[in-house]
C-alpha atoms as a PDB file:
ATOM      1  CA  UNK A   1     -25.621 -55.571  58.146  1.00  0.00           C
ATOM      2  CA  UNK A   2     -24.389 -57.365  55.039  1.00  0.00           C
ATOM      3  CA  UNK A   3     -26.379 -59.857  52.960  1.00  0.00           C
ATOM      4  CA  UNK A   4     -24.141 -62.682  54.192  1.00  0.00           C
ATOM      5  CA  UNK A   5     -24.793 -61.982  57.884  1.00  0.00           C
ATOM      6  CA  UNK A   6     -26.278 -64.835  59.886  1.00  0.00           C
ATOM      7  CA  UNK A   7     -29.506 -64.198  61.742  1.00  0.00           C
ATOM      8  CA  UNK A   8     -29.149 -65.159  65.381  1.00  0.00           C
ATOM      9  CA  UNK A   9     -31.904 -66.738  67.427  1.00  0.00           C
ATOM     10  CA  UNK A  10     -32.684 -65.903  71.064  1.00  0.00           C
ATOM     11  CA  UNK A  11     -29.853 -68.047  72.442  1.00  0.00           C
ATOM     12  CA  UNK A  12     -27.295 -66.517  70.122  1.00  0.00           C
ATOM     13  CA  UNK A  13     -27.261 -69.634  67.934  1.00  0.00           C
ATOM     14  CA  UNK A  14     -27.944 -69.203  64.243  1.00  0.00           C
ATOM     15  CA  UNK A  15     -31.718 -69.107  63.679  1.00  0.00           C
ATOM     16  CA  UNK A  16     -31.530 -71.950  61.156  1.00  0.00           C
ATOM     17  CA  UNK A  17     -30.347 -74.257  63.955  1.00  0.00           C
ATOM     18  CA  UNK A  18     -33.438 -73.395  65.968  1.00  0.00           C
ATOM     19  CA  UNK A  19     -35.604 -74.550  63.072  1.00  0.00           C
ATOM     20  CA  UNK A  20     -33.592 -77.754  62.789  1.00  0.00           C
ATOM     21  CA  UNK A  21     -33.880 -78.390  66.524  1.00  0.00           C
ATOM     22  CA  UNK A  22     -37.642 -77.777  66.448  1.00  0.00           C
ATOM     23  CA  UNK A  23     -37.971 -80.110  63.488  1.00  0.00           C
ATOM     24  CA  UNK A  24     -35.958 -82.823  65.238  1.00  0.00           C
ATOM     25  CA  UNK A  25     -37.952 -82.398  68.455  1.00  0.00           C
ATOM     26  CA  UNK A  26     -41.177 -82.863  66.474  1.00  0.00           C
ATOM     27  CA  UNK A  27     -39.757 -85.954  64.745  1.00  0.00           C
ATOM     28  CA  UNK A  28     -38.754 -87.359  68.119  1.00  0.00           C
ATOM     29  CA  UNK A  29     -42.222 -86.705  69.546  1.00  0.00           C
ATOM     30  CA  UNK A  30     -43.812 -88.395  66.523  1.00  0.00           C
ATOM     31  CA  UNK A  31     -41.518 -91.412  66.839  1.00  0.00           C
ATOM     32  CA  UNK A  32     -42.272 -91.618  70.571  1.00  0.00           C
ATOM     33  CA  UNK A  33     -46.008 -91.648  69.836  1.00  0.00           C
ATOM     34  CA  UNK A  34     -45.544 -94.380  67.232  1.00  0.00           C
ATOM     35  CA  UNK A  35     -43.444 -96.453  69.637  1.00  0.00           C
ATOM     36  CA  UNK A  36     -46.090 -96.092  72.334  1.00  0.00           C
ATOM     37  CA  UNK A  37     -48.805 -97.206  69.896  1.00  0.00           C
ATOM     38  CA  UNK A  38     -46.800-100.229  68.766  1.00  0.00           C
ATOM     39  CA  UNK A  39     -46.014-101.150  72.359  1.00  0.00           C
ATOM     40  CA  UNK A  40     -49.739-101.149  73.125  1.00  0.00           C
ATOM     41  CA  UNK A  41     -50.414-103.282  70.037  1.00  0.00           C
ATOM     42  CA  UNK A  42     -47.713-105.723  71.091  1.00  0.00           C
ATOM     43  CA  UNK A  43     -49.173-105.994  74.586  1.00  0.00           C
ATOM     44  CA  UNK A  44     -52.619-106.714  73.098  1.00  0.00           C
ATOM     45  CA  UNK A  45     -51.177-109.357  70.760  1.00  0.00           C
ATOM     46  CA  UNK A  46     -49.340-111.004  73.638  1.00  0.00           C
ATOM     47  CA  UNK A  47     -52.523-111.075  75.728  1.00  0.00           C
ATOM     48  CA  UNK A  48     -54.447-112.651  72.853  1.00  0.00           C
ATOM     49  CA  UNK A  49     -51.667-115.201  72.385  1.00  0.00           C
ATOM     50  CA  UNK A  50     -51.800-116.124  76.085  1.00  0.00           C
ATOM     51  CA  UNK A  51     -55.564-116.581  75.905  1.00  0.00           C
ATOM     52  CA  UNK A  52     -55.312-118.783  72.794  1.00  0.00           C
ATOM     53  CA  UNK A  53     -52.551-120.862  74.349  1.00  0.00           C
ATOM     54  CA  UNK A  54     -54.584-121.247  77.534  1.00  0.00           C
ATOM     55  CA  UNK A  55     -57.658-122.319  75.515  1.00  0.00           C
ATOM     56  CA  UNK A  56     -55.616-124.872  73.548  1.00  0.00           C
ATOM     57  CA  UNK A  57     -54.101-126.302  76.718  1.00  0.00           C
ATOM     58  CA  UNK A  58     -57.510-126.728  78.361  1.00  0.00           C
ATOM     59  CA  UNK A  59     -59.055-128.240  75.225  1.00  0.00           C
ATOM     60  CA  UNK A  60     -56.394-130.927  74.874  1.00  0.00           C
END
């Protein structure tokens, strides 16, 4: 095999693409986790806003 030969991964794709795919999958998983966390924070903020609005409406 020559020095310029490309190493193939299990699927026959160049091994470097497997690393890129794994890296992108991890980035996607991280972004999904962050989105889930922010969605939960938004839901909590909305609930607090509803409670404050309700309290203001009953006070006035």
